[in-house]
Amino acid sequence: SMYMKNVKFLMLMLLAVLSLSSCENEEEEDSIGEVDEELLNKDVRVSKTNPKYTKKQLKKIFQKYGNGQAGKNLENWVDSFYKLQTDYGVNPLFAAAVTINEQSVGTADSTCSRQNNLFSVRTRSGGWMSYSSPQESIDRFGNMIANGNNYFTQNKYTIKKIGKTYCSPPDNWIKKVALSTNQLESYDTESE
């Protein structure tokens, strides 16, 4: 019937719109328990002029994180993560947490990882962005969060507020990124 064709068309359109989100989120929505609101509401901005982490601190944190090649990649790209602070005012541990959850820091067997797309960023037409290097991907992520139209420029500074735009459905992404950010921060023995 015409009604069913319209319903089918609307469902397809809804699917198309939902698939425009950046994340690769194919898991069950409720597989993660409650996460402390304080972690979800963490502000991911840092000072550009007085970076929160030194390169040495970041390297130590990434070494403690381990996890084979994923941790080695974080260590190898420490300069790019460090520069997220000075260039964009973005917390590098938040960025590391996003790539850990999106592409296992470039070790995932995926189109994104093969295209140096560490953060599962989509093109405007819905395909996957491709970068010349992992370092370029890290830099572009910082720029997108700080200067793009959807995050800092819209007063979205917390993992929860960023996640609601970055990923659909957002709940698992928000929880996982918050937990990973917290895990990485727990390895920092030099702050405070």
C-alpha atoms as a PDB file:
ATOM      1  CA  SER A   1       0.000   0.000   0.000  1.00  0.00           C
ATOM      2  CA  MET A   2       0.997   3.646  -0.377  1.00  0.00           C
ATOM      3  CA  TYR A   3       1.036   4.011   3.430  1.00  0.00           C
ATOM      4  CA  MET A   4       3.601   1.200   3.839  1.00  0.00           C
ATOM      5  CA  LYS A   5       5.765   2.648   1.062  1.00  0.00           C
ATOM      6  CA  ASN A   6       5.762   6.002   2.867  1.00  0.00           C
ATOM      7  CA  VAL A   7       6.615   4.344   6.189  1.00  0.00           C
ATOM      8  CA  LYS A   8       9.435   2.385   4.526  1.00  0.00           C
ATOM      9  CA  PHE A   9      10.764   5.569   2.890  1.00  0.00           C
ATOM     10  CA  LEU A  10      10.670   7.479   6.196  1.00  0.00           C
ATOM     11  CA  MET A  11      12.470   4.626   7.981  1.00  0.00           C
ATOM     12  CA  LEU A  12      15.181   4.607   5.308  1.00  0.00           C
ATOM     13  CA  MET A  13      15.559   8.386   5.583  1.00  0.00           C
ATOM     14  CA  LEU A  14      15.821   8.122   9.379  1.00  0.00           C
ATOM     15  CA  LEU A  15      18.480   5.422   9.012  1.00  0.00           C
ATOM     16  CA  ALA A  16      20.403   7.606   6.563  1.00  0.00           C
ATOM     17  CA  VAL A  17      20.367  10.536   8.977  1.00  0.00           C
ATOM     18  CA  LEU A  18      21.377   8.372  11.947  1.00  0.00           C
ATOM     19  CA  SER A  19      24.267   6.866   9.985  1.00  0.00           C
ATOM     20  CA  LEU A  20      25.809  10.329   9.563  1.00  0.00           C
ATOM     21  CA  SER A  21      27.201  10.258  13.097  1.00  0.00           C
ATOM     22  CA  SER A  22      30.960  10.001  13.444  1.00  0.00           C
ATOM     23  CA  CYS A  23      31.235   6.927  15.607  1.00  0.00           C
ATOM     24  CA  GLU A  24      31.230   3.281  14.698  1.00  0.00           C
ATOM     25  CA  ASN A  25      28.712   2.189  17.304  1.00  0.00           C
ATOM     26  CA  GLU A  26      27.308  -1.252  16.648  1.00  0.00           C
ATOM     27  CA  GLU A  27      26.996  -2.567  20.165  1.00  0.00           C
ATOM     28  CA  GLU A  28      24.010  -3.031  22.405  1.00  0.00           C
ATOM     29  CA  GLU A  29      23.108   0.276  24.000  1.00  0.00           C
ATOM     30  CA  ASP A  30      22.758  -0.973  27.593  1.00  0.00           C
ATOM     31  CA  SER A  31      25.799  -3.225  27.918  1.00  0.00           C
ATOM     32  CA  ILE A  32      27.620  -0.783  30.225  1.00  0.00           C
ATOM     33  CA  GLY A  33      26.404  -0.114  33.758  1.00  0.00           C
ATOM     34  CA  GLU A  34      26.057   3.240  35.450  1.00  0.00           C
ATOM     35  CA  VAL A  35      29.012   5.620  35.231  1.00  0.00           C
ATOM     36  CA  ASP A  36      29.618   8.423  37.733  1.00  0.00           C
ATOM     37  CA  GLU A  37      28.013  11.651  36.446  1.00  0.00           C
ATOM     38  CA  GLU A  38      31.190  13.515  37.385  1.00  0.00           C
ATOM     39  CA  LEU A  39      33.126  11.521  34.771  1.00  0.00           C
ATOM     40  CA  LEU A  40      30.449  12.059  32.110  1.00  0.00           C
ATOM     41  CA  ASN A  41      30.404  15.791  32.809  1.00  0.00           C
ATOM     42  CA  LYS A  42      34.176  16.204  32.645  1.00  0.00           C
ATOM     43  CA  ASP A  43      35.192  19.406  30.849  1.00  0.00           C
ATOM     44  CA  VAL A  44      37.725  18.444  28.159  1.00  0.00           C
ATOM     45  CA  ARG A  45      39.157  21.939  27.645  1.00  0.00           C
ATOM     46  CA  VAL A  46      42.718  22.668  28.778  1.00  0.00           C
ATOM     47  CA  SER A  47      44.799  25.838  28.747  1.00  0.00           C
ATOM     48  CA  LYS A  48      46.652  26.505  25.485  1.00  0.00           C
ATOM     49  CA  THR A  49      49.320  28.599  27.204  1.00  0.00           C
ATOM     50  CA  ASN A  50      49.792  26.370  30.250  1.00  0.00           C
ATOM     51  CA  PRO A  51      49.293  22.783  29.014  1.00  0.00           C
ATOM     52  CA  LYS A  52      47.966  20.326  31.587  1.00  0.00           C
ATOM     53  CA  TYR A  53      50.399  17.580  30.512  1.00  0.00           C
ATOM     54  CA  THR A  54      54.033  17.611  29.442  1.00  0.00           C
ATOM     55  CA  LYS A  55      55.190  15.294  26.640  1.00  0.00           C
ATOM     56  CA  LYS A  56      57.061  13.301  29.293  1.00  0.00           C
ATOM     57  CA  GLN A  57      53.872  12.883  31.368  1.00  0.00           C
ATOM     58  CA  LEU A  58      51.876  11.814  28.327  1.00  0.00           C
ATOM     59  CA  LYS A  59      54.540   9.285  27.327  1.00  0.00           C
ATOM     60  CA  LYS A  60      54.485   7.763  30.839  1.00  0.00           C
ATOM     61  CA  ILE A  61      50.676   7.606  30.843  1.00  0.00           C
ATOM     62  CA  PHE A  62      50.652   5.922  27.428  1.00  0.00           C
ATOM     63  CA  GLN A  63      53.344   3.448  28.557  1.00  0.00           C
ATOM     64  CA  LYS A  64      51.244   2.524  31.608  1.00  0.00           C
ATOM     65  CA  TYR A  65      48.192   2.102  29.368  1.00  0.00           C
ATOM     66  CA  GLY A  66      50.073  -0.591  27.443  1.00  0.00           C
ATOM     67  CA  ASN A  67      47.753  -2.771  25.354  1.00  0.00           C
ATOM     68  CA  GLY A  68      50.379  -3.788  22.815  1.00  0.00           C
ATOM     69  CA  GLN A  69      50.443  -1.884  19.540  1.00  0.00           C
ATOM     70  CA  ALA A  70      47.632   0.468  20.602  1.00  0.00           C
ATOM     71  CA  GLY A  71      49.753   1.782  23.483  1.00  0.00           C
ATOM     72  CA  LYS A  72      52.861   1.914  21.272  1.00  0.00           C
ATOM     73  CA  ASN A  73      50.909   4.016  18.759  1.00  0.00           C
ATOM     74  CA  LEU A  74      49.878   6.442  21.507  1.00  0.00           C
ATOM     75  CA  GLU A  75      53.547   6.721  22.538  1.00  0.00           C
ATOM     76  CA  ASN A  76      54.735   7.148  18.932  1.00  0.00           C
ATOM     77  CA  TRP A  77      52.235   9.963  18.328  1.00  0.00           C
ATOM     78  CA  VAL A  78      52.793  11.698  21.690  1.00  0.00           C
ATOM     79  CA  ASP A  79      53.896  14.952  19.996  1.00  0.00           C
ATOM     80  CA  SER A  80      50.570  15.193  18.145  1.00  0.00           C
ATOM     81  CA  PHE A  81      48.548  14.469  21.282  1.00  0.00           C
ATOM     82  CA  TYR A  82      50.609  17.047  23.210  1.00  0.00           C
ATOM     83  CA  LYS A  83      49.928  19.689  20.524  1.00  0.00           C
ATOM     84  CA  LEU A  84      46.152  19.265  20.945  1.00  0.00           C
ATOM     85  CA  GLN A  85      46.634  21.324  24.110  1.00  0.00           C
ATOM     86  CA  THR A  86      48.708  24.182  22.679  1.00  0.00           C
ATOM     87  CA  ASP A  87      47.000  24.365  19.259  1.00  0.00           C
ATOM     88  CA  TYR A  88      43.371  23.758  20.245  1.00  0.00           C
ATOM     89  CA  GLY A  89      42.960  23.672  24.036  1.00  0.00           C
ATOM     90  CA  VAL A  90      41.741  20.048  23.842  1.00  0.00           C
ATOM     91  CA  ASN A  91      42.613  17.539  26.578  1.00  0.00           C
ATOM     92  CA  PRO A  92      44.927  14.968  24.918  1.00  0.00           C
ATOM     93  CA  LEU A  93      43.720  12.167  27.204  1.00  0.00           C
ATOM     94  CA  PHE A  94      40.144  12.764  26.037  1.00  0.00           C
ATOM     95  CA  ALA A  95      41.374  12.511  22.424  1.00  0.00           C
ATOM     96  CA  ALA A  96      43.332   9.345  23.251  1.00  0.00           C
ATOM     97  CA  ALA A  97      40.199   7.889  24.883  1.00  0.00           C
ATOM     98  CA  VAL A  98      38.165   8.604  21.744  1.00  0.00           C
ATOM     99  CA  THR A  99      40.627   6.823  19.430  1.00  0.00           C
ATOM    100  CA  ILE A 100      40.993   3.938  21.904  1.00  0.00           C
ATOM    101  CA  ASN A 101      37.229   3.400  21.656  1.00  0.00           C
ATOM    102  CA  GLU A 102      36.760   4.236  17.984  1.00  0.00           C
ATOM    103  CA  GLN A 103      39.694   2.550  16.235  1.00  0.00           C
ATOM    104  CA  SER A 104      41.856   0.938  18.958  1.00  0.00           C
ATOM    105  CA  VAL A 105      44.405   3.689  18.229  1.00  0.00           C
ATOM    106  CA  GLY A 106      44.676   2.697  14.583  1.00  0.00           C
ATOM    107  CA  THR A 107      45.003  -1.056  15.194  1.00  0.00           C
ATOM    108  CA  ALA A 108      41.385  -1.944  14.336  1.00  0.00           C
ATOM    109  CA  ASP A 109      40.874  -4.021  11.194  1.00  0.00           C
ATOM    110  CA  SER A 110      38.727  -1.356   9.568  1.00  0.00           C
ATOM    111  CA  THR A 111      38.530   1.027   6.643  1.00  0.00           C
ATOM    112  CA  CYS A 112      39.014   3.914   9.075  1.00  0.00           C
ATOM    113  CA  SER A 113      42.272   2.581  10.503  1.00  0.00           C
ATOM    114  CA  ARG A 114      43.586   1.788   7.019  1.00  0.00           C
ATOM    115  CA  GLN A 115      42.836   5.419   6.065  1.00  0.00           C
ATOM    116  CA  ASN A 116      44.540   6.834   9.197  1.00  0.00           C
ATOM    117  CA  ASN A 117      41.114   7.887  10.494  1.00  0.00           C
ATOM    118  CA  LEU A 118      41.697   7.301  14.213  1.00  0.00           C
ATOM    119  CA  PHE A 119      38.433   8.934  15.312  1.00  0.00           C
ATOM    120  CA  SER A 120      35.914   7.463  12.816  1.00  0.00           C
ATOM    121  CA  VAL A 121      35.192  10.882  11.344  1.00  0.00           C
ATOM    122  CA  ARG A 122      32.772  10.967   8.431  1.00  0.00           C
ATOM    123  CA  THR A 123      32.735  13.143   5.339  1.00  0.00           C
ATOM    124  CA  ARG A 124      29.761  15.441   4.740  1.00  0.00           C
ATOM    125  CA  SER A 125      28.404  12.877   2.272  1.00  0.00           C
ATOM    126  CA  GLY A 126      28.593  10.105   4.887  1.00  0.00           C
ATOM    127  CA  GLY A 127      31.738   8.236   3.834  1.00  0.00           C
ATOM    128  CA  TRP A 128      34.849   7.911   6.017  1.00  0.00           C
ATOM    129  CA  MET A 129      37.457  10.652   6.049  1.00  0.00           C
ATOM    130  CA  SER A 130      40.920   9.678   4.863  1.00  0.00           C
ATOM    131  CA  TYR A 131      44.120  11.248   6.224  1.00  0.00           C
ATOM    132  CA  SER A 132      47.705  11.211   5.013  1.00  0.00           C
ATOM    133  CA  SER A 133      48.971  10.148   8.463  1.00  0.00           C
ATOM    134  CA  PRO A 134      47.759   9.336  11.984  1.00  0.00           C
ATOM    135  CA  GLN A 135      49.280  12.651  13.077  1.00  0.00           C
ATOM    136  CA  GLU A 136      47.082  14.530  10.592  1.00  0.00           C
ATOM    137  CA  SER A 137      44.028  12.669  11.937  1.00  0.00           C
ATOM    138  CA  ILE A 138      44.890  13.729  15.512  1.00  0.00           C
ATOM    139  CA  ASP A 139      45.378  17.352  14.458  1.00  0.00           C
ATOM    140  CA  ARG A 140      42.119  17.437  12.457  1.00  0.00           C
ATOM    141  CA  PHE A 141      40.230  15.923  15.417  1.00  0.00           C
ATOM    142  CA  GLY A 142      41.501  18.691  17.704  1.00  0.00           C
ATOM    143  CA  ASN A 143      40.554  21.318  15.149  1.00  0.00           C
ATOM    144  CA  MET A 144      37.086  19.809  14.692  1.00  0.00           C
ATOM    145  CA  ILE A 145      36.407  19.731  18.453  1.00  0.00           C
ATOM    146  CA  ALA A 146      37.757  23.251  19.096  1.00  0.00           C
ATOM    147  CA  ASN A 147      36.829  25.147  15.927  1.00  0.00           C
ATOM    148  CA  GLY A 148      34.192  23.070  14.130  1.00  0.00           C
ATOM    149  CA  ASN A 149      30.501  23.976  14.171  1.00  0.00           C
ATOM    150  CA  ASN A 150      29.360  21.324  16.669  1.00  0.00           C
ATOM    151  CA  TYR A 151      31.423  21.296  19.862  1.00  0.00           C
ATOM    152  CA  PHE A 152      33.375  24.049  21.660  1.00  0.00           C
ATOM    153  CA  THR A 153      31.865  26.750  19.430  1.00  0.00           C
ATOM    154  CA  GLN A 154      28.418  25.553  20.611  1.00  0.00           C
ATOM    155  CA  ASN A 155      29.462  25.542  24.299  1.00  0.00           C
ATOM    156  CA  LYS A 156      29.721  21.734  24.329  1.00  0.00           C
ATOM    157  CA  TYR A 157      32.744  21.157  26.568  1.00  0.00           C
ATOM    158  CA  THR A 158      31.936  17.933  28.416  1.00  0.00           C
ATOM    159  CA  ILE A 159      32.266  14.325  27.297  1.00  0.00           C
ATOM    160  CA  LYS A 160      28.487  13.961  27.656  1.00  0.00           C
ATOM    161  CA  LYS A 161      27.612  17.048  25.574  1.00  0.00           C
ATOM    162  CA  ILE A 162      30.222  16.240  22.907  1.00  0.00           C
ATOM    163  CA  GLY A 163      29.076  12.608  22.763  1.00  0.00           C
ATOM    164  CA  LYS A 164      25.452  13.530  22.115  1.00  0.00           C
ATOM    165  CA  THR A 165      26.538  15.191  18.860  1.00  0.00           C
ATOM    166  CA  TYR A 166      29.542  12.990  18.013  1.00  0.00           C
ATOM    167  CA  CYS A 167      27.788   9.645  18.150  1.00  0.00           C
ATOM    168  CA  SER A 168      24.318   8.227  17.647  1.00  0.00           C
ATOM    169  CA  PRO A 169      23.137   6.510  19.753  1.00  0.00           C
ATOM    170  CA  PRO A 170      25.433   8.310  22.225  1.00  0.00           C
ATOM    171  CA  ASP A 171      25.083   6.607  25.610  1.00  0.00           C
ATOM    172  CA  ASN A 172      27.664   3.816  25.299  1.00  0.00           C
ATOM    173  CA  TRP A 173      30.146   6.118  23.559  1.00  0.00           C
ATOM    174  CA  ILE A 174      29.840   8.687  26.349  1.00  0.00           C
ATOM    175  CA  LYS A 175      30.314   6.051  29.058  1.00  0.00           C
ATOM    176  CA  LYS A 176      33.252   4.327  27.335  1.00  0.00           C
ATOM    177  CA  VAL A 177      35.082   7.560  26.513  1.00  0.00           C
ATOM    178  CA  ALA A 178      34.517   8.837  30.068  1.00  0.00           C
ATOM    179  CA  LEU A 179      35.840   5.587  31.563  1.00  0.00           C
ATOM    180  CA  SER A 180      38.869   5.518  29.233  1.00  0.00           C
ATOM    181  CA  THR A 181      39.675   9.179  29.937  1.00  0.00           C
ATOM    182  CA  ASN A 182      39.470   8.452  33.667  1.00  0.00           C
ATOM    183  CA  GLN A 183      41.643   5.335  33.281  1.00  0.00           C
ATOM    184  CA  LEU A 184      44.346   7.313  31.462  1.00  0.00           C
ATOM    185  CA  GLU A 185      44.187  10.119  34.041  1.00  0.00           C
ATOM    186  CA  SER A 186      44.643   7.567  36.827  1.00  0.00           C
ATOM    187  CA  TYR A 187      48.067   6.715  35.343  1.00  0.00           C
ATOM    188  CA  ASP A 188      49.273  10.301  35.785  1.00  0.00           C
ATOM    189  CA  THR A 189      51.355  10.474  38.945  1.00  0.00           C
ATOM    190  CA  GLU A 190      52.822  13.950  38.357  1.00  0.00           C
ATOM    191  CA  SER A 191      49.695  16.153  38.374  1.00  0.00           C
ATOM    192  CA  GLU A 192      47.895  17.522  41.470  1.00  0.00           C
END
